[in-house]
Structures are given as structure tokens and as C-alpha cells.
Amino acid sequence: MAFPEPRPTKPELPRKSVRSLHCRQGALRAVSFNVDGRYCLTCGSDKSLSLCSPLRGTLLRIYSGHGAEVLDAAGSFDNSRLCSGGCDRAVLFWDVASGQILRKFRGHAGKVNCVQFNEEATVIVSGSIDSSVQCWDCGSQRPDPVQILDEAKDGISSIKLSDHEILAGSVDGRSRRYDLRMGELAADYVASPITCVCFSKDGQCTLVSSLNSTLRLLDKDTGELLGEYTGHKNREYKLDCCLSKRDTHVVSASEDGNVFFWDLVEGTLALTLPVGQGVVQSLAFHPTEPCLLTASEGTVQCWREESFVAEDDLMT
């Protein structure tokens, strides 16, 4: 006699704030986890980026070298390198341990909104208000990008990479997916300036947020609309969205000081998380745990599930 499989447990959502990091970087423009979720990067209006341990609430290093506020940063797969972009129109390539700038790439005609490494951290991909996506060879001394993708008709607000694709969201209302293996371009039109794009964890879907306070889940291959999620406020600012670690929930920042969670399949609002009074500018979901980082004004908060107990709480 075979026993039935146990029903999968309902995923826990991060509901309680367990740490606050006062980064002293002015207004925070972006927050992101490193590849294994042990550390986070924060980008500030004071021209710096910081490496922190969010669960311990400790600042590990400050990186200074931009000539204006930093808008985005990302870490490499082995945690040894960083890339960043900002209002000085430059893309910087950093050594994590020494804090030294290894390369400074200049090719964009406007501020750099977003940066990402490829899987091997040999190429940096940057998106700019100048409407271009540019690819930079980290190992080459050539000053020019190795590739420029200039199909967008307005600024690039967000980029994400898979092992063979570049997903770019633009203010022109189109999400463009470049398949580098096939040499193909697919575009989806959402009729509103795009603020953020991302891939689902299973690689089958893309999530697109736009300035009409709507998130859309699209089939990656066909462009079919699979779901719409509303209730948050996004009319003025470039805000982040993402999917939870198992693709069970859609998550979005909001201009009203909250973070919204929707059930991906049902489309229903599952949680409204009150973060603060100001705009929640950026957020990041941990790669393996129910842990969320939010950046609002000058503070990063680390949120965990209700059952979470911090290490220092266990020792008291």
C-alpha cells in the first residue's frame, strides 16, 4: 500500500523586520543580494556603493569612485568582482577584496540605470537613458563596448540576464528579449513606460512592471499575458519587482511605502507589507530563503518569516 505524498507546505512570506541598516549614503537607489544571499549591495546618492551583511546588520566595505550618484550594482558569481553604473554615465568594474577599480567603461551618452554580469562574469551588460544596451568585455583593454543593442526608442530602465538571453525593459513601453544563441529579438508591448523586468526562476516567463501601476506576467516564448497584478502605486518612480524564491508570489515595491505580494497563479493579493512613509525605491528577494530586503529613503530593512529567530536572539 502506497501512502499519499504529503501536501507541500504553503510558502512562508517575509512579514517581520529583523534588521535595519542605516547606510548613510543619502537616498538609496538600489539594493541587491549577492549570488548566495549572504551579502547585499546598496547604491547611494552620495556617489558610493556599500557591501553589507544584512542579517548581521554590519557594513563591510564602502566603494567610492563614481562622479555622481550610483543607480545600480551587481556582484559576480564567485563574489570576487562588482560592477556598477550611475549618473556619471560610467560603468565601473571593481575588485571586491581591495576595493580597487579595475576598469572604467565610458560609452553611454546618458546616465546608466542598470548593470548586470553575464554568468561567467566576463562581460558587463549596461542599460542607459540613452536608449542603448551596451556589452563590455571585462578582460579586454579596448575602450569600446563589444556590442551595442540600440533597438529601443527611449531610455532603458531595467535589464536581466539568463545564460543566453538579455531582457531589457524600456520607457518606450516595450520589453525586448535578445536570444544570443539564436541571434533573435522578441518584443512585447505593454503601452506604458516599463520600470522593471525579470525572468521567472523556471525561465518560462517574464515579469514586467510599468508606470500604470500594473505588473504583467508574460509567457517568455509567445508573449501571452498569463496574469495581471494591481493594487500598488507606481506612477512616477522607477520601482523594483521580482518573484519569490519558488515563483509562488509576485512582489512589487510601491510609492505608498508598502511592498505588495500577490499569489502568482490566482492573482489575488496575499500580503501588504508596511515598510515606511516614503517610496520603497528598491527590493530584493533572497535566492533560497523567505527573506526580503527593502530600500526606502536612507534605510535598508531585512524582512523574514514570522517563525524566524535571529542568531543573537537565540543567545539571549
C-alpha atoms as a PDB file:
ATOM      1  CA  MET A   1       0.000   0.000   0.000  1.00  0.00           C
ATOM      2  CA  ALA A   2       1.441   3.334  -1.070  1.00  0.00           C
ATOM      3  CA  PHE A   3       0.978   6.282   1.215  1.00  0.00           C
ATOM      4  CA  PRO A   4      -0.097   9.518  -0.447  1.00  0.00           C
ATOM      5  CA  GLU A   5       2.527  12.202  -0.940  1.00  0.00           C
ATOM      6  CA  PRO A   6       2.366  14.876   1.767  1.00  0.00           C
ATOM      7  CA  ARG A   7       0.917  18.158   0.575  1.00  0.00           C
ATOM      8  CA  PRO A   8       3.619  20.767   0.012  1.00  0.00           C
ATOM      9  CA  THR A   9       3.781  23.325   2.767  1.00  0.00           C
ATOM     10  CA  LYS A  10       2.475  26.761   1.921  1.00  0.00           C
ATOM     11  CA  PRO A  11       5.439  29.066   1.387  1.00  0.00           C
ATOM     12  CA  GLU A  12       6.068  31.497   4.216  1.00  0.00           C
ATOM     13  CA  LEU A  13       6.267  35.158   3.326  1.00  0.00           C
ATOM     14  CA  PRO A  14       8.637  37.655   4.967  1.00  0.00           C
ATOM     15  CA  ARG A  15       6.415  39.605   7.365  1.00  0.00           C
ATOM     16  CA  LYS A  16       8.633  40.877  10.180  1.00  0.00           C
ATOM     17  CA  SER A  17      11.558  43.264  10.148  1.00  0.00           C
ATOM     18  CA  VAL A  18      14.605  41.675  11.781  1.00  0.00           C
ATOM     19  CA  ARG A  19      17.307  44.223  10.886  1.00  0.00           C
ATOM     20  CA  SER A  20      17.606  47.825   9.797  1.00  0.00           C
ATOM     21  CA  LEU A  21      20.715  49.182   8.110  1.00  0.00           C
ATOM     22  CA  HIS A  22      21.151  52.948   8.160  1.00  0.00           C
ATOM     23  CA  CYS A  23      23.576  53.158   5.287  1.00  0.00           C
ATOM     24  CA  ARG A  24      24.480  56.878   5.446  1.00  0.00           C
ATOM     25  CA  GLN A  25      24.632  57.003   1.651  1.00  0.00           C
ATOM     26  CA  GLY A  26      21.935  59.616   1.173  1.00  0.00           C
ATOM     27  CA  ALA A  27      18.886  58.361  -0.696  1.00  0.00           C
ATOM     28  CA  LEU A  28      19.273  54.696  -1.618  1.00  0.00           C
ATOM     29  CA  ARG A  29      18.756  53.966  -5.311  1.00  0.00           C
ATOM     30  CA  ALA A  30      19.119  50.173  -5.309  1.00  0.00           C
ATOM     31  CA  VAL A  31      19.644  47.143  -3.088  1.00  0.00           C
ATOM     32  CA  SER A  32      20.539  43.635  -4.242  1.00  0.00           C
ATOM     33  CA  PHE A  33      21.695  40.304  -2.836  1.00  0.00           C
ATOM     34  CA  ASN A  34      24.901  38.650  -3.910  1.00  0.00           C
ATOM     35  CA  VAL A  35      24.664  35.253  -5.610  1.00  0.00           C
ATOM     36  CA  ASP A  36      24.272  33.161  -2.410  1.00  0.00           C
ATOM     37  CA  GLY A  37      22.326  35.730  -0.366  1.00  0.00           C
ATOM     38  CA  ARG A  38      24.946  36.214   2.360  1.00  0.00           C
ATOM     39  CA  TYR A  39      25.693  39.822   1.472  1.00  0.00           C
ATOM     40  CA  CYS A  40      23.957  42.766  -0.140  1.00  0.00           C
ATOM     41  CA  LEU A  41      24.964  45.782  -2.204  1.00  0.00           C
ATOM     42  CA  THR A  42      23.448  49.222  -1.724  1.00  0.00           C
ATOM     43  CA  CYS A  43      23.731  52.176  -4.106  1.00  0.00           C
ATOM     44  CA  GLY A  44      23.542  55.723  -2.796  1.00  0.00           C
ATOM     45  CA  SER A  45      23.000  59.267  -3.950  1.00  0.00           C
ATOM     46  CA  ASP A  46      26.307  60.161  -2.221  1.00  0.00           C
ATOM     47  CA  LYS A  47      28.236  58.519  -5.146  1.00  0.00           C
ATOM     48  CA  SER A  48      29.121  55.370  -3.156  1.00  0.00           C
ATOM     49  CA  LEU A  49      28.134  51.726  -3.068  1.00  0.00           C
ATOM     50  CA  SER A  50      28.344  49.573   0.042  1.00  0.00           C
ATOM     51  CA  LEU A  51      28.785  45.885   0.768  1.00  0.00           C
ATOM     52  CA  CYS A  52      26.838  44.791   3.858  1.00  0.00           C
ATOM     53  CA  SER A  53      25.823  41.707   5.799  1.00  0.00           C
ATOM     54  CA  PRO A  54      22.051  42.235   6.062  1.00  0.00           C
ATOM     55  CA  LEU A  55      21.275  39.602   8.711  1.00  0.00           C
ATOM     56  CA  ARG A  56      24.066  40.823  10.985  1.00  0.00           C
ATOM     57  CA  GLY A  57      23.380  44.454  10.196  1.00  0.00           C
ATOM     58  CA  THR A  58      27.043  45.224   9.543  1.00  0.00           C
ATOM     59  CA  LEU A  59      28.762  47.371   6.924  1.00  0.00           C
ATOM     60  CA  LEU A  60      31.721  45.520   5.382  1.00  0.00           C
ATOM     61  CA  ARG A  61      33.141  47.965   2.844  1.00  0.00           C
ATOM     62  CA  ILE A  62      32.389  51.228   1.039  1.00  0.00           C
ATOM     63  CA  TYR A  63      33.375  51.609  -2.611  1.00  0.00           C
ATOM     64  CA  SER A  64      33.982  55.150  -3.868  1.00  0.00           C
ATOM     65  CA  GLY A  65      34.862  56.106  -7.430  1.00  0.00           C
ATOM     66  CA  HIS A  66      31.755  57.334  -9.206  1.00  0.00           C
ATOM     67  CA  GLY A  67      31.458  61.012 -10.039  1.00  0.00           C
ATOM     68  CA  ALA A  68      27.710  61.157  -9.325  1.00  0.00           C
ATOM     69  CA  GLU A  69      25.040  59.079  -7.618  1.00  0.00           C
ATOM     70  CA  VAL A  70      25.161  55.316  -8.136  1.00  0.00           C
ATOM     71  CA  LEU A  71      21.994  53.811  -9.591  1.00  0.00           C
ATOM     72  CA  ASP A  72      22.713  50.072  -9.779  1.00  0.00           C
ATOM     73  CA  ALA A  73      25.309  47.441  -8.907  1.00  0.00           C
ATOM     74  CA  ALA A  74      25.750  43.671  -9.226  1.00  0.00           C
ATOM     75  CA  GLY A  75      28.143  41.008  -7.961  1.00  0.00           C
ATOM     76  CA  SER A  76      29.903  38.233  -9.861  1.00  0.00           C
ATOM     77  CA  PHE A  77      29.158  34.502  -9.455  1.00  0.00           C
ATOM     78  CA  ASP A  78      32.251  33.987  -7.256  1.00  0.00           C
ATOM     79  CA  ASN A  79      31.806  37.182  -5.184  1.00  0.00           C
ATOM     80  CA  SER A  80      35.227  38.488  -6.288  1.00  0.00           C
ATOM     81  CA  ARG A  81      34.067  41.292  -8.603  1.00  0.00           C
ATOM     82  CA  LEU A  82      31.433  44.043  -8.704  1.00  0.00           C
ATOM     83  CA  CYS A  83      30.034  46.207 -11.453  1.00  0.00           C
ATOM     84  CA  SER A  84      28.160  49.471 -11.024  1.00  0.00           C
ATOM     85  CA  GLY A  85      26.625  52.279 -13.044  1.00  0.00           C
ATOM     86  CA  GLY A  86      25.308  55.724 -12.295  1.00  0.00           C
ATOM     87  CA  CYS A  87      24.573  59.298 -13.222  1.00  0.00           C
ATOM     88  CA  ASP A  88      28.186  59.944 -14.287  1.00  0.00           C
ATOM     89  CA  ARG A  89      27.458  57.784 -17.392  1.00  0.00           C
ATOM     90  CA  ALA A  90      30.251  55.371 -16.419  1.00  0.00           C
ATOM     91  CA  VAL A  91      30.256  51.607 -15.854  1.00  0.00           C
ATOM     92  CA  LEU A  92      32.785  50.581 -13.191  1.00  0.00           C
ATOM     93  CA  PHE A  93      34.370  47.139 -12.721  1.00  0.00           C
ATOM     94  CA  TRP A  94      35.622  46.555  -9.157  1.00  0.00           C
ATOM     95  CA  ASP A  95      37.761  44.123  -7.193  1.00  0.00           C
ATOM     96  CA  VAL A  96      35.752  43.250  -4.065  1.00  0.00           C
ATOM     97  CA  ALA A  97      38.631  42.480  -1.701  1.00  0.00           C
ATOM     98  CA  SER A  98      40.833  45.502  -2.416  1.00  0.00           C
ATOM     99  CA  GLY A  99      38.105  47.983  -3.338  1.00  0.00           C
ATOM    100  CA  GLN A 100      40.114  48.974  -6.407  1.00  0.00           C
ATOM    101  CA  ILE A 101      38.551  49.967  -9.726  1.00  0.00           C
ATOM    102  CA  LEU A 102      39.825  47.516 -12.340  1.00  0.00           C
ATOM    103  CA  ARG A 103      38.205  49.199 -15.359  1.00  0.00           C
ATOM    104  CA  LYS A 104      36.098  52.270 -16.027  1.00  0.00           C
ATOM    105  CA  PHE A 105      33.985  51.921 -19.166  1.00  0.00           C
ATOM    106  CA  ARG A 106      32.708  55.068 -20.869  1.00  0.00           C
ATOM    107  CA  GLY A 107      30.417  54.831 -23.874  1.00  0.00           C
ATOM    108  CA  HIS A 108      26.945  55.823 -22.765  1.00  0.00           C
ATOM    109  CA  ALA A 109      25.634  59.292 -23.598  1.00  0.00           C
ATOM    110  CA  GLY A 110      23.404  59.440 -20.512  1.00  0.00           C
ATOM    111  CA  LYS A 111      23.084  58.060 -17.001  1.00  0.00           C
ATOM    112  CA  VAL A 112      23.426  54.291 -16.578  1.00  0.00           C
ATOM    113  CA  ASN A 113      20.248  52.925 -14.976  1.00  0.00           C
ATOM    114  CA  CYS A 114      21.135  49.230 -14.709  1.00  0.00           C
ATOM    115  CA  VAL A 115      24.074  46.818 -14.857  1.00  0.00           C
ATOM    116  CA  GLN A 116      24.421  43.026 -14.819  1.00  0.00           C
ATOM    117  CA  PHE A 117      27.194  40.454 -15.229  1.00  0.00           C
ATOM    118  CA  ASN A 118      26.873  37.519 -17.583  1.00  0.00           C
ATOM    119  CA  GLU A 119      27.023  34.076 -15.955  1.00  0.00           C
ATOM    120  CA  GLU A 120      30.840  33.814 -16.053  1.00  0.00           C
ATOM    121  CA  ALA A 121      31.378  37.493 -15.098  1.00  0.00           C
ATOM    122  CA  THR A 122      33.425  38.025 -18.266  1.00  0.00           C
ATOM    123  CA  VAL A 123      31.006  40.587 -19.703  1.00  0.00           C
ATOM    124  CA  ILE A 124      29.133  43.508 -18.101  1.00  0.00           C
ATOM    125  CA  VAL A 125      25.821  44.492 -19.693  1.00  0.00           C
ATOM    126  CA  SER A 126      24.597  48.039 -19.039  1.00  0.00           C
ATOM    127  CA  GLY A 127      21.381  49.890 -19.858  1.00  0.00           C
ATOM    128  CA  SER A 128      21.143  53.651 -20.124  1.00  0.00           C
ATOM    129  CA  ILE A 129      18.770  56.563 -20.506  1.00  0.00           C
ATOM    130  CA  ASP A 130      20.462  56.989 -23.928  1.00  0.00           C
ATOM    131  CA  SER A 131      18.224  54.103 -25.177  1.00  0.00           C
ATOM    132  CA  SER A 132      21.076  51.604 -25.610  1.00  0.00           C
ATOM    133  CA  VAL A 133      22.171  48.343 -24.023  1.00  0.00           C
ATOM    134  CA  GLN A 134      25.957  48.007 -24.172  1.00  0.00           C
ATOM    135  CA  CYS A 135      28.156  44.950 -23.530  1.00  0.00           C
ATOM    136  CA  TRP A 136      31.651  45.367 -22.092  1.00  0.00           C
ATOM    137  CA  ASP A 137      34.469  42.789 -22.126  1.00  0.00           C
ATOM    138  CA  CYS A 138      35.940  42.689 -18.603  1.00  0.00           C
ATOM    139  CA  GLY A 139      39.189  41.081 -19.773  1.00  0.00           C
ATOM    140  CA  SER A 140      39.902  43.367 -22.717  1.00  0.00           C
ATOM    141  CA  GLN A 141      41.701  46.695 -22.732  1.00  0.00           C
ATOM    142  CA  ARG A 142      39.578  48.013 -25.594  1.00  0.00           C
ATOM    143  CA  PRO A 143      37.656  51.152 -24.561  1.00  0.00           C
ATOM    144  CA  ASP A 144      34.599  50.466 -26.706  1.00  0.00           C
ATOM    145  CA  PRO A 145      31.713  48.085 -25.998  1.00  0.00           C
ATOM    146  CA  VAL A 146      31.902  44.733 -27.785  1.00  0.00           C
ATOM    147  CA  GLN A 147      28.220  45.019 -28.691  1.00  0.00           C
ATOM    148  CA  ILE A 148      25.566  47.740 -28.712  1.00  0.00           C
ATOM    149  CA  LEU A 149      21.843  46.920 -28.771  1.00  0.00           C
ATOM    150  CA  ASP A 150      20.042  50.083 -29.846  1.00  0.00           C
ATOM    151  CA  GLU A 151      16.549  48.970 -30.867  1.00  0.00           C
ATOM    152  CA  ALA A 152      14.823  50.850 -28.011  1.00  0.00           C
ATOM    153  CA  LYS A 153      13.179  54.175 -28.820  1.00  0.00           C
ATOM    154  CA  ASP A 154      13.574  55.573 -25.286  1.00  0.00           C
ATOM    155  CA  GLY A 155      15.664  55.006 -22.166  1.00  0.00           C
ATOM    156  CA  ILE A 156      16.494  51.520 -20.820  1.00  0.00           C
ATOM    157  CA  SER A 157      15.164  51.214 -17.272  1.00  0.00           C
ATOM    158  CA  SER A 158      15.933  47.582 -16.402  1.00  0.00           C
ATOM    159  CA  ILE A 159      17.958  44.614 -17.656  1.00  0.00           C
ATOM    160  CA  LYS A 160      18.201  40.975 -16.570  1.00  0.00           C
ATOM    161  CA  LEU A 161      20.333  38.155 -17.957  1.00  0.00           C
ATOM    162  CA  SER A 162      19.908  34.409 -18.306  1.00  0.00           C
ATOM    163  CA  ASP A 163      22.668  32.111 -19.558  1.00  0.00           C
ATOM    164  CA  HIS A 164      21.893  33.046 -23.179  1.00  0.00           C
ATOM    165  CA  GLU A 165      19.447  35.972 -23.094  1.00  0.00           C
ATOM    166  CA  ILE A 166      19.327  39.678 -22.341  1.00  0.00           C
ATOM    167  CA  LEU A 167      15.954  41.003 -21.177  1.00  0.00           C
ATOM    168  CA  ALA A 168      15.641  44.787 -21.417  1.00  0.00           C
ATOM    169  CA  GLY A 169      12.749  46.993 -20.334  1.00  0.00           C
ATOM    170  CA  SER A 170      12.386  50.446 -21.844  1.00  0.00           C
ATOM    171  CA  VAL A 171      10.494  53.659 -21.228  1.00  0.00           C
ATOM    172  CA  ASP A 172       9.124  53.201 -24.762  1.00  0.00           C
ATOM    173  CA  GLY A 173       6.776  50.566 -23.284  1.00  0.00           C
ATOM    174  CA  ARG A 174       8.485  47.541 -24.791  1.00  0.00           C
ATOM    175  CA  SER A 175      10.207  44.599 -23.153  1.00  0.00           C
ATOM    176  CA  ARG A 176      12.860  43.201 -25.534  1.00  0.00           C
ATOM    177  CA  ARG A 177      14.440  39.781 -25.189  1.00  0.00           C
ATOM    178  CA  TYR A 178      17.650  39.150 -27.103  1.00  0.00           C
ATOM    179  CA  ASP A 179      18.383  35.452 -27.645  1.00  0.00           C
ATOM    180  CA  LEU A 180      22.159  35.454 -28.087  1.00  0.00           C
ATOM    181  CA  ARG A 181      22.332  31.797 -29.173  1.00  0.00           C
ATOM    182  CA  MET A 182      19.771  32.160 -31.940  1.00  0.00           C
ATOM    183  CA  GLY A 183      20.515  35.780 -32.814  1.00  0.00           C
ATOM    184  CA  GLU A 184      16.839  36.656 -32.418  1.00  0.00           C
ATOM    185  CA  LEU A 185      14.922  39.553 -30.882  1.00  0.00           C
ATOM    186  CA  ALA A 186      11.416  39.251 -29.406  1.00  0.00           C
ATOM    187  CA  ALA A 187       9.492  42.297 -28.156  1.00  0.00           C
ATOM    188  CA  ASP A 188       6.347  42.653 -26.032  1.00  0.00           C
ATOM    189  CA  TYR A 189       4.426  45.936 -25.853  1.00  0.00           C
ATOM    190  CA  VAL A 190       2.667  46.960 -22.618  1.00  0.00           C
ATOM    191  CA  ALA A 191       1.617  50.526 -23.623  1.00  0.00           C
ATOM    192  CA  SER A 192       3.180  52.170 -20.559  1.00  0.00           C
ATOM    193  CA  PRO A 193       6.771  53.085 -19.588  1.00  0.00           C
ATOM    194  CA  ILE A 194       8.457  50.000 -18.111  1.00  0.00           C
ATOM    195  CA  THR A 195      10.161  50.326 -14.730  1.00  0.00           C
ATOM    196  CA  CYS A 196      11.426  46.777 -14.109  1.00  0.00           C
ATOM    197  CA  VAL A 197      11.714  43.377 -15.832  1.00  0.00           C
ATOM    198  CA  CYS A 198      12.761  39.954 -14.601  1.00  0.00           C
ATOM    199  CA  PHE A 199      12.760  36.276 -15.522  1.00  0.00           C
ATOM    200  CA  SER A 200      10.852  33.684 -13.531  1.00  0.00           C
ATOM    201  CA  LYS A 201      13.051  31.159 -11.748  1.00  0.00           C
ATOM    202  CA  ASP A 202      11.945  28.380 -14.116  1.00  0.00           C
ATOM    203  CA  GLY A 203      12.871  30.526 -17.124  1.00  0.00           C
ATOM    204  CA  GLN A 204       9.447  30.157 -18.731  1.00  0.00           C
ATOM    205  CA  CYS A 205       8.011  33.613 -18.011  1.00  0.00           C
ATOM    206  CA  THR A 206       8.929  37.277 -17.756  1.00  0.00           C
ATOM    207  CA  LEU A 207       7.533  39.769 -15.241  1.00  0.00           C
ATOM    208  CA  VAL A 208       7.110  43.373 -16.377  1.00  0.00           C
ATOM    209  CA  SER A 209       6.139  46.369 -14.214  1.00  0.00           C
ATOM    210  CA  SER A 210       5.116  49.713 -15.667  1.00  0.00           C
ATOM    211  CA  LEU A 211       4.077  53.233 -14.723  1.00  0.00           C
ATOM    212  CA  ASN A 212       0.347  52.487 -14.902  1.00  0.00           C
ATOM    213  CA  SER A 213       0.574  50.653 -11.548  1.00  0.00           C
ATOM    214  CA  THR A 214       0.327  47.239 -13.203  1.00  0.00           C
ATOM    215  CA  LEU A 215       2.549  44.167 -13.284  1.00  0.00           C
ATOM    216  CA  ARG A 216       2.179  41.653 -16.101  1.00  0.00           C
ATOM    217  CA  LEU A 217       3.315  38.045 -16.234  1.00  0.00           C
ATOM    218  CA  LEU A 218       4.073  37.053 -19.827  1.00  0.00           C
ATOM    219  CA  ASP A 219       4.892  33.737 -21.467  1.00  0.00           C
ATOM    220  CA  LYS A 220       8.513  34.180 -22.494  1.00  0.00           C
ATOM    221  CA  ASP A 221       8.203  32.438 -25.859  1.00  0.00           C
ATOM    222  CA  THR A 222       4.766  33.536 -27.052  1.00  0.00           C
ATOM    223  CA  GLY A 223       4.243  36.836 -25.221  1.00  0.00           C
ATOM    224  CA  GLU A 224       0.849  35.602 -23.992  1.00  0.00           C
ATOM    225  CA  LEU A 225      -0.479  37.507 -20.982  1.00  0.00           C
ATOM    226  CA  LEU A 226      -0.669  34.988 -18.120  1.00  0.00           C
ATOM    227  CA  GLY A 227      -1.559  37.332 -15.261  1.00  0.00           C
ATOM    228  CA  GLU A 228      -2.040  40.941 -14.180  1.00  0.00           C
ATOM    229  CA  TYR A 229      -1.373  42.258 -10.686  1.00  0.00           C
ATOM    230  CA  THR A 230      -2.643  45.601  -9.384  1.00  0.00           C
ATOM    231  CA  GLY A 231      -3.212  47.400  -6.080  1.00  0.00           C
ATOM    232  CA  HIS A 232       0.158  49.042  -5.584  1.00  0.00           C
ATOM    233  CA  LYS A 233       1.058  52.576  -6.664  1.00  0.00           C
ATOM    234  CA  ASN A 234       3.641  53.164  -9.394  1.00  0.00           C
ATOM    235  CA  ARG A 235       3.047  56.351 -11.372  1.00  0.00           C
ATOM    236  CA  GLU A 236       6.247  58.374 -11.066  1.00  0.00           C
ATOM    237  CA  TYR A 237       9.304  56.369  -9.985  1.00  0.00           C
ATOM    238  CA  LYS A 238      11.442  53.504 -11.247  1.00  0.00           C
ATOM    239  CA  LEU A 239      10.496  50.763  -8.744  1.00  0.00           C
ATOM    240  CA  ASP A 240      11.573  47.130  -8.447  1.00  0.00           C
ATOM    241  CA  CYS A 241       9.544  43.972  -8.847  1.00  0.00           C
ATOM    242  CA  CYS A 242      10.567  40.332  -8.518  1.00  0.00           C
ATOM    243  CA  LEU A 243       9.324  36.796  -7.981  1.00  0.00           C
ATOM    244  CA  SER A 244       9.684  34.874  -4.729  1.00  0.00           C
ATOM    245  CA  LYS A 245      12.248  32.099  -4.466  1.00  0.00           C
ATOM    246  CA  ARG A 246       9.903  29.369  -5.768  1.00  0.00           C
ATOM    247  CA  ASP A 247       7.897  31.511  -8.212  1.00  0.00           C
ATOM    248  CA  THR A 248       4.863  31.302  -5.929  1.00  0.00           C
ATOM    249  CA  HIS A 249       4.404  35.044  -5.443  1.00  0.00           C
ATOM    250  CA  VAL A 250       4.818  38.262  -7.406  1.00  0.00           C
ATOM    251  CA  VAL A 251       6.435  41.021  -5.343  1.00  0.00           C
ATOM    252  CA  SER A 252       6.490  44.759  -6.021  1.00  0.00           C
ATOM    253  CA  ALA A 253       7.661  47.940  -4.366  1.00  0.00           C
ATOM    254  CA  SER A 254       5.165  50.794  -4.143  1.00  0.00           C
ATOM    255  CA  GLU A 255       5.166  54.580  -3.914  1.00  0.00           C
ATOM    256  CA  ASP A 256       2.869  54.478  -0.863  1.00  0.00           C
ATOM    257  CA  GLY A 257       5.504  52.952   1.449  1.00  0.00           C
ATOM    258  CA  ASN A 258       4.349  49.323   1.127  1.00  0.00           C
ATOM    259  CA  VAL A 259       5.508  46.139  -0.549  1.00  0.00           C
ATOM    260  CA  PHE A 260       2.800  44.035  -2.202  1.00  0.00           C
ATOM    261  CA  PHE A 261       2.734  40.241  -2.593  1.00  0.00           C
ATOM    262  CA  TRP A 262       0.305  38.522  -4.972  1.00  0.00           C
ATOM    263  CA  ASP A 263      -0.342  34.822  -5.458  1.00  0.00           C
ATOM    264  CA  LEU A 264       1.157  34.187  -8.884  1.00  0.00           C
ATOM    265  CA  VAL A 265      -1.459  31.698 -10.096  1.00  0.00           C
ATOM    266  CA  GLU A 266      -4.618  33.157  -8.548  1.00  0.00           C
ATOM    267  CA  GLY A 267      -3.610  36.814  -8.939  1.00  0.00           C
ATOM    268  CA  THR A 268      -5.006  37.654  -5.504  1.00  0.00           C
ATOM    269  CA  LEU A 269      -3.293  39.980  -3.059  1.00  0.00           C
ATOM    270  CA  ALA A 270      -1.603  37.809  -0.422  1.00  0.00           C
ATOM    271  CA  LEU A 271       0.179  40.410   1.720  1.00  0.00           C
ATOM    272  CA  THR A 272       0.634  44.155   2.034  1.00  0.00           C
ATOM    273  CA  LEU A 273       3.846  44.792   3.950  1.00  0.00           C
ATOM    274  CA  PRO A 274       4.101  48.276   5.535  1.00  0.00           C
ATOM    275  CA  VAL A 275       7.720  49.395   5.173  1.00  0.00           C
ATOM    276  CA  GLY A 276       7.606  53.112   5.954  1.00  0.00           C
ATOM    277  CA  GLN A 277       6.299  56.524   4.976  1.00  0.00           C
ATOM    278  CA  GLY A 278       8.425  57.115   1.889  1.00  0.00           C
ATOM    279  CA  VAL A 279       8.613  55.444  -1.511  1.00  0.00           C
ATOM    280  CA  VAL A 280      10.021  51.910  -1.428  1.00  0.00           C
ATOM    281  CA  GLN A 281      12.644  52.514  -4.103  1.00  0.00           C
ATOM    282  CA  SER A 282      14.141  49.043  -4.397  1.00  0.00           C
ATOM    283  CA  LEU A 283      13.758  45.472  -3.149  1.00  0.00           C
ATOM    284  CA  ALA A 284      15.478  42.103  -3.467  1.00  0.00           C
ATOM    285  CA  PHE A 285      14.313  38.578  -2.640  1.00  0.00           C
ATOM    286  CA  HIS A 286      16.812  36.086  -1.203  1.00  0.00           C
ATOM    287  CA  PRO A 287      17.790  33.329  -3.698  1.00  0.00           C
ATOM    288  CA  THR A 288      16.888  30.426  -1.369  1.00  0.00           C
ATOM    289  CA  GLU A 289      15.114  31.688   1.772  1.00  0.00           C
ATOM    290  CA  PRO A 290      11.939  33.683   2.612  1.00  0.00           C
ATOM    291  CA  CYS A 291      13.947  36.841   3.123  1.00  0.00           C
ATOM    292  CA  LEU A 292      13.333  40.256   1.584  1.00  0.00           C
ATOM    293  CA  LEU A 293      15.423  43.427   1.506  1.00  0.00           C
ATOM    294  CA  THR A 294      13.740  46.797   1.040  1.00  0.00           C
ATOM    295  CA  ALA A 295      15.328  50.194   0.447  1.00  0.00           C
ATOM    296  CA  SER A 296      13.331  53.255   1.437  1.00  0.00           C
ATOM    297  CA  GLU A 297      14.831  56.707   1.874  1.00  0.00           C
ATOM    298  CA  GLY A 298      18.218  56.016   3.512  1.00  0.00           C
ATOM    299  CA  THR A 299      17.462  52.681   5.189  1.00  0.00           C
ATOM    300  CA  VAL A 300      17.620  49.025   4.180  1.00  0.00           C
ATOM    301  CA  GLN A 301      15.348  46.679   6.109  1.00  0.00           C
ATOM    302  CA  CYS A 302      15.707  42.909   6.226  1.00  0.00           C
ATOM    303  CA  TRP A 303      12.401  41.027   6.480  1.00  0.00           C
ATOM    304  CA  ARG A 304      11.927  37.386   7.450  1.00  0.00           C
ATOM    305  CA  GLU A 305       9.089  34.925   8.013  1.00  0.00           C
ATOM    306  CA  GLU A 306       7.213  35.001  11.343  1.00  0.00           C
ATOM    307  CA  SER A 307       8.898  31.805  12.612  1.00  0.00           C
ATOM    308  CA  PHE A 308      12.430  33.132  12.015  1.00  0.00           C
ATOM    309  CA  VAL A 309      14.661  33.562  15.049  1.00  0.00           C
ATOM    310  CA  ALA A 310      17.893  35.523  14.641  1.00  0.00           C
ATOM    311  CA  GLU A 311      21.144  34.038  15.951  1.00  0.00           C
ATOM    312  CA  ASP A 312      21.644  36.783  18.532  1.00  0.00           C
ATOM    313  CA  ASP A 313      18.069  36.208  19.794  1.00  0.00           C
ATOM    314  CA  LEU A 314      18.929  32.546  20.429  1.00  0.00           C
ATOM    315  CA  MET A 315      21.879  33.587  22.587  1.00  0.00           C
ATOM    316  CA  THR A 316      19.870  35.874  24.873  1.00  0.00           C
END
